[in-house]
N, C-alpha and C. Protein backbone atom coordinates (compact mmCIF):
# COMPACT_ATOMS: atom_id res chain seq x y z
N MET A 1 96.30 165.23 94.69
CA MET A 1 95.16 165.12 93.82
C MET A 1 95.56 165.49 92.40
N ASP A 2 95.25 164.63 91.44
CA ASP A 2 95.56 164.88 90.04
C ASP A 2 94.49 165.79 89.44
N ARG A 3 94.88 166.97 88.92
CA ARG A 3 93.93 167.94 88.38
C ARG A 3 93.64 167.71 86.90
N ARG A 4 94.25 166.73 86.30
CA ARG A 4 94.05 166.49 84.88
C ARG A 4 92.64 166.01 84.61
N GLU A 5 92.04 166.57 83.57
CA GLU A 5 90.69 166.20 83.20
C GLU A 5 90.66 165.09 82.17
N ARG A 6 91.71 164.91 81.43
CA ARG A 6 91.77 163.94 80.34
C ARG A 6 92.89 162.93 80.62
N ARG A 7 92.69 161.72 80.14
CA ARG A 7 93.70 160.68 80.27
C ARG A 7 94.89 161.00 79.38
N ARG A 8 96.09 160.86 79.90
CA ARG A 8 97.31 161.10 79.14
C ARG A 8 97.90 159.77 78.69
N PHE A 9 98.47 159.78 77.49
CA PHE A 9 99.09 158.59 76.93
C PHE A 9 100.58 158.85 76.76
N ASP A 10 101.40 157.94 77.28
CA ASP A 10 102.85 158.05 77.12
C ASP A 10 103.18 157.70 75.67
N VAL A 11 103.45 158.72 74.87
CA VAL A 11 103.71 158.54 73.45
C VAL A 11 104.92 159.38 73.08
N SER A 12 105.89 158.75 72.45
CA SER A 12 107.05 159.46 71.96
C SER A 12 106.92 159.60 70.44
N ALA A 13 106.73 160.84 69.99
CA ALA A 13 106.55 161.09 68.56
C ALA A 13 107.22 162.42 68.21
N PRO A 14 107.76 162.54 67.00
CA PRO A 14 108.39 163.80 66.61
C PRO A 14 107.35 164.92 66.50
N VAL A 15 107.77 166.11 66.88
CA VAL A 15 106.88 167.26 66.85
C VAL A 15 107.66 168.49 66.37
N ALA A 16 107.03 169.28 65.50
CA ALA A 16 107.55 170.58 65.09
C ALA A 16 106.62 171.62 65.70
N TYR A 17 107.19 172.69 66.23
CA TYR A 17 106.36 173.70 66.88
C TYR A 17 106.92 175.09 66.61
N ALA A 18 106.04 176.09 66.78
CA ALA A 18 106.44 177.47 66.52
C ALA A 18 105.67 178.40 67.45
N TRP A 19 106.28 179.55 67.74
CA TRP A 19 105.63 180.57 68.55
C TRP A 19 106.25 181.91 68.21
N THR A 20 105.56 182.97 68.58
CA THR A 20 106.05 184.33 68.37
C THR A 20 106.30 184.95 69.73
N SER A 21 107.51 185.46 69.94
CA SER A 21 107.85 186.07 71.22
C SER A 21 107.58 187.57 71.17
N SER A 22 107.77 188.21 72.30
CA SER A 22 107.59 189.66 72.33
C SER A 22 108.54 190.29 71.32
N GLY A 23 108.12 191.36 70.72
CA GLY A 23 108.91 191.96 69.66
C GLY A 23 108.64 191.32 68.31
N ALA A 24 107.61 190.48 68.25
CA ALA A 24 107.18 189.82 67.01
C ALA A 24 108.28 188.96 66.39
N ILE A 25 109.12 188.37 67.21
CA ILE A 25 110.17 187.47 66.72
C ILE A 25 109.58 186.07 66.62
N GLN A 26 109.68 185.48 65.42
CA GLN A 26 109.14 184.14 65.19
C GLN A 26 110.19 183.09 65.50
N HIS A 27 109.77 182.05 66.21
CA HIS A 27 110.66 180.94 66.57
C HIS A 27 110.04 179.64 66.06
N SER A 28 110.88 178.72 65.66
CA SER A 28 110.41 177.38 65.33
C SER A 28 111.46 176.39 65.80
N ALA A 29 111.00 175.22 66.20
CA ALA A 29 111.91 174.21 66.73
C ALA A 29 111.28 172.84 66.60
N GLU A 30 112.03 171.82 66.98
CA GLU A 30 111.55 170.45 66.95
C GLU A 30 111.83 169.80 68.28
N GLY A 31 111.02 168.81 68.60
CA GLY A 31 111.19 168.06 69.83
C GLY A 31 110.51 166.72 69.70
N VAL A 32 110.19 166.14 70.84
CA VAL A 32 109.55 164.83 70.90
C VAL A 32 108.50 164.89 71.99
N THR A 33 107.36 164.28 71.76
CA THR A 33 106.33 164.27 72.80
C THR A 33 106.73 163.33 73.93
N ARG A 34 106.38 163.70 75.13
CA ARG A 34 106.51 162.81 76.29
C ARG A 34 105.17 162.15 76.56
N ASP A 35 104.11 162.95 76.48
CA ASP A 35 102.76 162.41 76.60
C ASP A 35 101.79 163.31 75.85
N VAL A 36 100.65 162.72 75.50
CA VAL A 36 99.63 163.41 74.71
C VAL A 36 98.27 163.08 75.29
N SER A 37 97.38 164.06 75.28
CA SER A 37 95.99 163.81 75.66
C SER A 37 95.09 164.55 74.68
N GLU A 38 93.82 164.40 74.86
CA GLU A 38 92.85 165.08 74.01
C GLU A 38 92.95 166.60 74.14
N SER A 39 93.44 167.04 75.28
CA SER A 39 93.45 168.49 75.53
C SER A 39 94.84 169.07 75.79
N GLY A 40 95.90 168.29 75.54
CA GLY A 40 97.22 168.82 75.79
C GLY A 40 98.34 167.91 75.37
N VAL A 41 99.55 168.44 75.49
CA VAL A 41 100.74 167.70 75.10
C VAL A 41 101.91 168.20 75.95
N PHE A 42 102.86 167.31 76.23
CA PHE A 42 104.12 167.72 76.84
C PHE A 42 105.19 167.44 75.81
N ILE A 43 106.00 168.45 75.50
CA ILE A 43 107.02 168.35 74.48
C ILE A 43 108.40 168.46 75.12
N ILE A 44 109.23 167.45 74.88
CA ILE A 44 110.62 167.46 75.33
C ILE A 44 111.43 168.18 74.25
N ALA A 45 112.10 169.26 74.65
CA ALA A 45 112.82 170.07 73.66
C ALA A 45 113.83 170.97 74.35
N ASP A 46 114.75 171.50 73.57
CA ASP A 46 115.73 172.45 74.09
C ASP A 46 115.22 173.88 74.00
N ALA A 47 114.51 174.21 72.91
CA ALA A 47 113.98 175.56 72.73
C ALA A 47 112.63 175.63 73.43
N LEU A 48 112.53 176.48 74.45
CA LEU A 48 111.32 176.53 75.29
C LEU A 48 110.60 177.86 75.15
N PRO A 49 109.36 177.83 74.66
CA PRO A 49 108.58 179.07 74.63
C PRO A 49 108.20 179.48 76.05
N PRO A 50 107.95 180.75 76.28
CA PRO A 50 107.61 181.19 77.64
C PRO A 50 106.19 180.77 78.03
N VAL A 51 105.96 180.68 79.32
CA VAL A 51 104.62 180.37 79.84
C VAL A 51 103.65 181.43 79.32
N GLY A 52 102.52 180.99 78.83
CA GLY A 52 101.50 181.88 78.30
C GLY A 52 101.59 182.11 76.80
N ALA A 53 102.70 181.69 76.18
CA ALA A 53 102.86 181.90 74.74
C ALA A 53 101.88 181.03 73.96
N ALA A 54 101.36 181.59 72.87
CA ALA A 54 100.56 180.81 71.93
C ALA A 54 101.53 180.00 71.08
N VAL A 55 101.26 178.72 70.93
CA VAL A 55 102.17 177.83 70.20
C VAL A 55 101.35 177.01 69.20
N GLN A 56 101.93 176.82 68.01
CA GLN A 56 101.33 175.95 67.00
C GLN A 56 102.25 174.75 66.89
N PHE A 57 101.65 173.56 66.76
CA PHE A 57 102.50 172.39 66.63
C PHE A 57 101.87 171.32 65.76
N GLU A 58 102.76 170.46 65.27
CA GLU A 58 102.36 169.35 64.41
C GLU A 58 103.12 168.11 64.89
N VAL A 59 102.35 167.10 65.30
CA VAL A 59 102.92 165.86 65.80
C VAL A 59 102.70 164.78 64.75
N SER A 60 103.73 163.98 64.45
CA SER A 60 103.63 162.89 63.47
C SER A 60 103.65 161.55 64.19
N PHE A 61 102.53 160.84 64.11
CA PHE A 61 102.42 159.52 64.73
C PHE A 61 102.62 158.46 63.65
N SER A 62 103.53 157.51 63.89
CA SER A 62 103.77 156.40 62.96
C SER A 62 103.24 155.11 63.57
N PHE A 63 102.75 154.23 62.70
CA PHE A 63 102.17 152.97 63.15
C PHE A 63 102.91 151.79 62.54
N ARG A 64 102.66 150.61 63.08
CA ARG A 64 103.37 149.40 62.63
C ARG A 64 103.14 149.08 61.16
N ASP A 65 101.99 149.49 60.62
CA ASP A 65 101.71 149.21 59.21
C ASP A 65 102.30 150.29 58.29
N ASN A 66 103.20 151.11 58.83
CA ASN A 66 103.89 152.20 58.12
C ASN A 66 102.98 153.36 57.75
N SER A 67 101.77 153.37 58.25
CA SER A 67 100.90 154.54 58.02
C SER A 67 101.26 155.62 59.04
N GLN A 68 100.87 156.83 58.73
CA GLN A 68 101.14 157.96 59.62
C GLN A 68 99.91 158.84 59.75
N ILE A 69 99.77 159.44 60.92
CA ILE A 69 98.73 160.44 61.16
C ILE A 69 99.41 161.65 61.76
N GLU A 70 99.02 162.82 61.30
CA GLU A 70 99.55 164.06 61.86
C GLU A 70 98.47 164.75 62.68
N MET A 71 98.87 165.25 63.83
CA MET A 71 97.98 166.04 64.66
C MET A 71 98.48 167.48 64.61
N ARG A 72 97.62 168.37 64.15
CA ARG A 72 97.95 169.79 64.12
C ARG A 72 97.07 170.50 65.13
N ALA A 73 97.67 171.40 65.88
CA ALA A 73 96.89 172.12 66.89
C ALA A 73 97.56 173.43 67.24
N GLN A 74 96.77 174.28 67.86
CA GLN A 74 97.28 175.50 68.48
C GLN A 74 97.00 175.37 69.96
N GLY A 75 97.78 176.01 70.74
CA GLY A 75 97.58 175.94 72.18
C GLY A 75 98.29 177.05 72.90
N ARG A 76 98.34 176.90 74.21
CA ARG A 76 98.99 177.89 75.05
C ARG A 76 99.89 177.15 76.02
N VAL A 77 101.10 177.67 76.21
CA VAL A 77 102.08 177.05 77.11
C VAL A 77 101.61 177.24 78.55
N LEU A 78 101.46 176.12 79.27
CA LEU A 78 101.01 176.16 80.66
C LEU A 78 102.16 176.20 81.64
N ARG A 79 103.22 175.44 81.33
CA ARG A 79 104.38 175.42 82.22
C ARG A 79 105.62 174.99 81.44
N VAL A 80 106.77 175.39 81.95
CA VAL A 80 108.06 175.05 81.37
C VAL A 80 108.87 174.34 82.43
N GLU A 81 109.51 173.25 82.04
CA GLU A 81 110.36 172.49 82.97
C GLU A 81 111.78 172.51 82.44
N ALA A 82 112.66 173.12 83.19
CA ALA A 82 114.08 173.15 82.82
C ALA A 82 114.77 171.94 83.44
N THR A 83 115.92 171.58 82.90
CA THR A 83 116.66 170.43 83.40
C THR A 83 117.06 170.64 84.85
N ASN A 84 116.85 169.62 85.66
CA ASN A 84 117.18 169.66 87.07
C ASN A 84 117.92 168.37 87.39
N GLY A 85 119.20 168.34 87.10
CA GLY A 85 119.96 167.11 87.30
C GLY A 85 119.49 166.05 86.31
N ASP A 86 119.42 164.80 86.76
CA ASP A 86 118.99 163.71 85.91
C ASP A 86 117.52 163.40 86.07
N LYS A 87 116.82 164.09 86.95
CA LYS A 87 115.46 163.71 87.29
C LYS A 87 114.39 164.35 86.41
N MET A 88 114.70 165.46 85.76
CA MET A 88 113.67 166.17 85.01
C MET A 88 114.11 166.40 83.58
N GLN A 89 113.20 166.19 82.64
CA GLN A 89 113.50 166.46 81.25
C GLN A 89 113.12 167.89 80.91
N ARG A 90 113.92 168.51 80.10
CA ARG A 90 113.66 169.88 79.67
C ARG A 90 112.52 169.86 78.65
N GLY A 91 111.49 170.67 78.87
CA GLY A 91 110.37 170.70 77.95
C GLY A 91 109.27 171.61 78.45
N PHE A 92 108.09 171.49 77.81
CA PHE A 92 106.97 172.34 78.20
C PHE A 92 105.65 171.63 77.97
N ALA A 93 104.67 172.04 78.75
CA ALA A 93 103.30 171.52 78.63
C ALA A 93 102.45 172.59 77.98
N ALA A 94 101.59 172.16 77.06
CA ALA A 94 100.70 173.10 76.38
C ALA A 94 99.29 172.52 76.34
N ALA A 95 98.31 173.37 76.62
CA ALA A 95 96.90 173.01 76.44
C ALA A 95 96.57 173.27 74.98
N THR A 96 95.80 172.38 74.36
CA THR A 96 95.49 172.51 72.95
C THR A 96 94.06 172.96 72.71
N ASP A 97 93.89 173.62 71.58
CA ASP A 97 92.57 174.04 71.11
C ASP A 97 92.21 173.21 69.89
N GLN A 98 91.23 172.38 69.98
CA GLN A 98 90.68 171.62 68.86
C GLN A 98 91.75 171.02 67.95
N PRO A 99 92.44 169.97 68.41
CA PRO A 99 93.43 169.33 67.54
C PRO A 99 92.77 168.73 66.30
N VAL A 100 93.49 168.76 65.19
CA VAL A 100 93.01 168.20 63.94
C VAL A 100 93.90 167.02 63.58
N LEU A 101 93.29 165.87 63.32
CA LEU A 101 94.04 164.69 62.91
C LEU A 101 93.88 164.51 61.41
N ALA A 102 94.97 164.18 60.72
CA ALA A 102 94.94 163.96 59.29
C ALA A 102 95.88 162.82 58.93
N ARG A 103 95.39 161.89 58.12
CA ARG A 103 96.24 160.80 57.66
C ARG A 103 97.22 161.35 56.64
N THR A 104 98.48 160.97 56.79
CA THR A 104 99.51 161.38 55.85
C THR A 104 99.35 160.56 54.58
N PRO A 105 99.31 161.20 53.42
CA PRO A 105 99.16 160.43 52.18
C PRO A 105 100.28 159.42 52.02
N GLU A 106 99.92 158.24 51.49
CA GLU A 106 100.91 157.19 51.26
C GLU A 106 101.64 157.46 49.96
N PRO A 107 102.95 157.13 49.91
CA PRO A 107 103.69 157.33 48.66
C PRO A 107 103.19 156.37 47.59
N THR A 108 103.24 156.81 46.34
CA THR A 108 102.88 155.93 45.23
C THR A 108 104.06 155.03 44.93
N PRO A 109 103.82 153.79 44.50
CA PRO A 109 104.94 152.89 44.20
C PRO A 109 105.83 153.41 43.07
N GLU A 110 105.25 154.14 42.11
CA GLU A 110 106.01 154.59 40.95
C GLU A 110 107.01 155.69 41.30
N THR A 111 106.59 156.66 42.09
CA THR A 111 107.44 157.83 42.32
C THR A 111 108.03 157.89 43.72
N GLY A 112 107.41 157.22 44.67
CA GLY A 112 107.86 157.33 46.05
C GLY A 112 107.39 158.59 46.71
N LYS A 113 106.63 159.43 45.97
CA LYS A 113 106.12 160.68 46.51
C LYS A 113 104.68 160.49 46.99
N ALA A 114 104.29 161.31 47.93
CA ALA A 114 102.94 161.22 48.49
C ALA A 114 101.90 161.55 47.45
N ARG A 115 100.79 160.82 47.55
CA ARG A 115 99.65 161.12 46.66
C ARG A 115 99.00 162.40 47.11
N GLY A 116 98.51 163.18 46.16
CA GLY A 116 97.92 164.47 46.45
C GLY A 116 96.56 164.36 46.92
């Protein structure tokens, strides 16, 4: 029986994430999403926060028209999957709290920099 409450979408997108471990040590890393839903994300990565850790992340979605949307959220790590031969990808699943979507400003033709 599938316990998921929300539909998951197989989406590969770059993600930056951060968490604080015991001893107040701050960690940050990058990975790629394996799937995304309204209430969670699975991130394929080498640096794995522990189960129960609060994690902040930012996912960048790119589209065919060269536009981008960023999803920023905070969540909690639900499970960690370590590499097990060729069958499992190393990564972690996190439940999210109120993700925020924001369109990435488009660069101006004159400067190539994003509009403010």
